[in-house]
Amino acid sequence: MNKTVIAKKLVDLRGEKSREQVAVDLGISYSAIVSYETGERIPRDEIKIKLANYYNTTVETIFFSHMDTKRVI
């Protein structure tokens, strides 16, 4: 999957939360969140896991699948 698709998924998953809040909650830098959401970088595996857990989804859904990130609750 290309960086642009992953970046869009991350932005969609973040929803109304600020980048700052996600960075604090995950214990990573604001600049890291920005670089993931703009497609500049792909996170390391341990950060992929943190992101998936934080957004209550799977690493596969965010980084490897072509499925829509919207979830039915």
N, C-alpha and C. Protein backbone atom coordinates (compact mmCIF):
# COMPACT_ATOMS: atom_id res chain seq x y z
N MET A 1 0.85 -1.17 0.00
CA MET A 1 0.00 0.00 0.00
C MET A 1 0.90 1.24 0.00
N ASN A 2 0.49 2.24 -0.72
CA ASN A 2 1.35 3.42 -0.81
C ASN A 2 1.18 4.35 0.39
N LYS A 3 2.15 5.21 0.57
CA LYS A 3 2.18 6.11 1.72
C LYS A 3 0.98 7.04 1.78
N THR A 4 0.48 7.45 0.62
CA THR A 4 -0.65 8.37 0.58
C THR A 4 -1.90 7.73 1.16
N VAL A 5 -2.14 6.47 0.83
CA VAL A 5 -3.31 5.76 1.34
C VAL A 5 -3.19 5.57 2.85
N ILE A 6 -2.02 5.20 3.31
CA ILE A 6 -1.79 5.02 4.74
C ILE A 6 -1.97 6.34 5.47
N ALA A 7 -1.42 7.41 4.93
CA ALA A 7 -1.56 8.73 5.53
C ALA A 7 -3.02 9.11 5.68
N LYS A 8 -3.81 8.89 4.64
CA LYS A 8 -5.24 9.21 4.69
C LYS A 8 -5.95 8.38 5.75
N LYS A 9 -5.61 7.11 5.84
CA LYS A 9 -6.23 6.26 6.87
C LYS A 9 -5.92 6.79 8.26
N LEU A 10 -4.67 7.19 8.49
CA LEU A 10 -4.30 7.70 9.80
C LEU A 10 -5.05 8.99 10.13
N VAL A 11 -5.19 9.86 9.17
CA VAL A 11 -5.94 11.11 9.39
C VAL A 11 -7.41 10.78 9.67
N ASP A 12 -7.98 9.88 8.91
CA ASP A 12 -9.38 9.49 9.12
C ASP A 12 -9.59 8.87 10.50
N LEU A 13 -8.67 8.02 10.90
CA LEU A 13 -8.78 7.38 12.21
C LEU A 13 -8.66 8.40 13.35
N ARG A 14 -7.83 9.39 13.18
CA ARG A 14 -7.64 10.41 14.22
C ARG A 14 -8.91 11.19 14.46
N GLY A 15 -9.69 11.40 13.41
CA GLY A 15 -10.97 12.09 13.56
C GLY A 15 -10.82 13.48 14.13
N GLU A 16 -11.53 13.75 15.23
CA GLU A 16 -11.55 15.08 15.84
C GLU A 16 -10.41 15.30 16.82
N LYS A 17 -9.64 14.26 17.13
CA LYS A 17 -8.52 14.43 18.05
C LYS A 17 -7.43 15.25 17.37
N SER A 18 -6.71 16.00 18.18
CA SER A 18 -5.60 16.77 17.63
C SER A 18 -4.37 15.88 17.47
N ARG A 19 -3.51 16.28 16.58
CA ARG A 19 -2.24 15.56 16.42
C ARG A 19 -1.45 15.60 17.72
N GLU A 20 -1.51 16.75 18.39
CA GLU A 20 -0.81 16.90 19.66
C GLU A 20 -1.28 15.86 20.68
N GLN A 21 -2.60 15.69 20.77
CA GLN A 21 -3.16 14.75 21.74
C GLN A 21 -2.75 13.32 21.42
N VAL A 22 -2.79 12.94 20.16
CA VAL A 22 -2.38 11.59 19.76
C VAL A 22 -0.90 11.38 20.10
N ALA A 23 -0.07 12.36 19.82
CA ALA A 23 1.36 12.24 20.11
C ALA A 23 1.59 12.03 21.61
N VAL A 24 0.92 12.84 22.43
CA VAL A 24 1.06 12.70 23.88
C VAL A 24 0.57 11.34 24.34
N ASP A 25 -0.61 10.94 23.88
CA ASP A 25 -1.19 9.66 24.29
C ASP A 25 -0.29 8.48 23.93
N LEU A 26 0.38 8.58 22.78
CA LEU A 26 1.22 7.47 22.32
C LEU A 26 2.67 7.59 22.78
N GLY A 27 3.03 8.73 23.33
CA GLY A 27 4.40 8.93 23.78
C GLY A 27 5.39 9.07 22.63
N ILE A 28 4.92 9.70 21.54
CA ILE A 28 5.79 9.95 20.40
C ILE A 28 5.74 11.44 20.07
N SER A 29 6.62 11.88 19.23
CA SER A 29 6.68 13.32 18.94
C SER A 29 5.57 13.75 17.98
N TYR A 30 5.22 15.03 18.12
CA TYR A 30 4.26 15.64 17.22
C TYR A 30 4.76 15.54 15.78
N SER A 31 6.05 15.78 15.58
CA SER A 31 6.61 15.73 14.22
C SER A 31 6.52 14.34 13.62
N ALA A 32 6.57 13.31 14.45
CA ALA A 32 6.40 11.94 13.94
C ALA A 32 4.98 11.75 13.42
N ILE A 33 4.00 12.19 14.20
CA ILE A 33 2.60 12.08 13.76
C ILE A 33 2.41 12.82 12.44
N VAL A 34 2.94 14.02 12.36
CA VAL A 34 2.82 14.81 11.12
C VAL A 34 3.44 14.05 9.95
N SER A 35 4.61 13.49 10.15
CA SER A 35 5.27 12.79 9.04
C SER A 35 4.52 11.53 8.61
N TYR A 36 3.85 10.86 9.54
CA TYR A 36 3.04 9.69 9.17
C TYR A 36 1.78 10.12 8.43
N GLU A 37 1.15 11.20 8.90
CA GLU A 37 -0.11 11.65 8.31
C GLU A 37 0.08 12.40 7.00
N THR A 38 1.28 12.80 6.68
CA THR A 38 1.53 13.46 5.40
C THR A 38 2.19 12.50 4.41
N GLY A 39 2.47 11.30 4.84
CA GLY A 39 3.06 10.31 3.96
C GLY A 39 4.56 10.45 3.78
N GLU A 40 5.19 11.27 4.61
CA GLU A 40 6.64 11.41 4.52
C GLU A 40 7.36 10.17 5.00
N ARG A 41 6.80 9.55 6.05
CA ARG A 41 7.43 8.38 6.65
C ARG A 41 6.38 7.34 7.00
N ILE A 42 6.83 6.10 7.07
CA ILE A 42 6.02 5.00 7.58
C ILE A 42 6.60 4.66 8.96
N PRO A 43 5.74 4.50 9.96
CA PRO A 43 6.26 4.23 11.30
C PRO A 43 6.96 2.88 11.42
N ARG A 44 7.85 2.80 12.40
CA ARG A 44 8.48 1.53 12.74
C ARG A 44 7.40 0.57 13.24
N ASP A 45 7.74 -0.72 13.24
CA ASP A 45 6.75 -1.73 13.62
C ASP A 45 6.15 -1.49 15.00
N GLU A 46 6.96 -1.12 15.99
CA GLU A 46 6.42 -0.91 17.34
C GLU A 46 5.44 0.26 17.37
N ILE A 47 5.65 1.26 16.55
CA ILE A 47 4.72 2.39 16.48
C ILE A 47 3.46 1.99 15.72
N LYS A 48 3.60 1.15 14.71
CA LYS A 48 2.42 0.63 14.01
C LYS A 48 1.49 -0.06 15.00
N ILE A 49 2.07 -0.85 15.88
CA ILE A 49 1.27 -1.57 16.88
C ILE A 49 0.60 -0.59 17.84
N LYS A 50 1.34 0.42 18.30
CA LYS A 50 0.77 1.44 19.19
C LYS A 50 -0.41 2.15 18.51
N LEU A 51 -0.21 2.53 17.25
CA LEU A 51 -1.27 3.22 16.51
C LEU A 51 -2.51 2.33 16.37
N ALA A 52 -2.31 1.09 16.02
CA ALA A 52 -3.44 0.17 15.85
C ALA A 52 -4.20 -0.01 17.17
N ASN A 53 -3.47 -0.21 18.25
CA ASN A 53 -4.13 -0.36 19.55
C ASN A 53 -4.87 0.92 19.95
N TYR A 54 -4.24 2.05 19.73
CA TYR A 54 -4.83 3.34 20.08
C TYR A 54 -6.15 3.57 19.33
N TYR A 55 -6.16 3.22 18.07
CA TYR A 55 -7.35 3.41 17.24
C TYR A 55 -8.27 2.20 17.24
N ASN A 56 -7.98 1.23 18.09
CA ASN A 56 -8.82 0.04 18.24
C ASN A 56 -9.06 -0.66 16.90
N THR A 57 -7.98 -0.88 16.19
CA THR A 57 -8.03 -1.58 14.92
C THR A 57 -6.79 -2.46 14.82
N THR A 58 -6.47 -2.93 13.63
CA THR A 58 -5.31 -3.79 13.47
C THR A 58 -4.25 -3.11 12.60
N VAL A 59 -3.03 -3.58 12.77
CA VAL A 59 -1.93 -3.10 11.92
C VAL A 59 -2.27 -3.38 10.46
N GLU A 60 -2.81 -4.56 10.20
CA GLU A 60 -3.16 -4.93 8.83
C GLU A 60 -4.16 -3.95 8.22
N THR A 61 -5.17 -3.58 8.98
CA THR A 61 -6.19 -2.66 8.46
C THR A 61 -5.59 -1.31 8.08
N ILE A 62 -4.70 -0.80 8.91
CA ILE A 62 -4.11 0.52 8.64
C ILE A 62 -3.07 0.46 7.53
N PHE A 63 -2.18 -0.51 7.61
CA PHE A 63 -0.99 -0.48 6.78
C PHE A 63 -0.97 -1.45 5.60
N PHE A 64 -1.88 -2.42 5.58
CA PHE A 64 -1.78 -3.43 4.54
C PHE A 64 -3.07 -3.71 3.77
N SER A 65 -4.21 -3.41 4.32
CA SER A 65 -5.46 -3.75 3.63
C SER A 65 -5.97 -2.59 2.81
N HIS A 66 -6.85 -2.90 1.92
CA HIS A 66 -7.49 -1.87 1.08
C HIS A 66 -8.89 -1.58 1.57
N MET A 67 -9.22 -2.06 2.77
CA MET A 67 -10.54 -1.89 3.33
C MET A 67 -10.71 -0.47 3.83
N ASP A 68 -11.92 -0.02 3.89
CA ASP A 68 -12.27 1.29 4.43
C ASP A 68 -11.99 1.29 5.92
N THR A 69 -11.51 2.43 6.45
CA THR A 69 -11.18 2.52 7.88
C THR A 69 -12.39 2.83 8.74
N LYS A 70 -13.53 3.15 8.15
CA LYS A 70 -14.70 3.46 8.95
C LYS A 70 -15.25 2.18 9.54
N ARG A 71 -15.56 2.25 10.83
CA ARG A 71 -16.03 1.06 11.53
C ARG A 71 -17.48 1.27 11.95
N VAL A 72 -18.23 0.20 11.95
CA VAL A 72 -19.61 0.22 12.43
C VAL A 72 -19.58 -0.21 13.87
N ILE A 73 -20.16 0.61 14.73
CA ILE A 73 -20.16 0.28 16.17
C ILE A 73 -21.55 -0.08 16.60
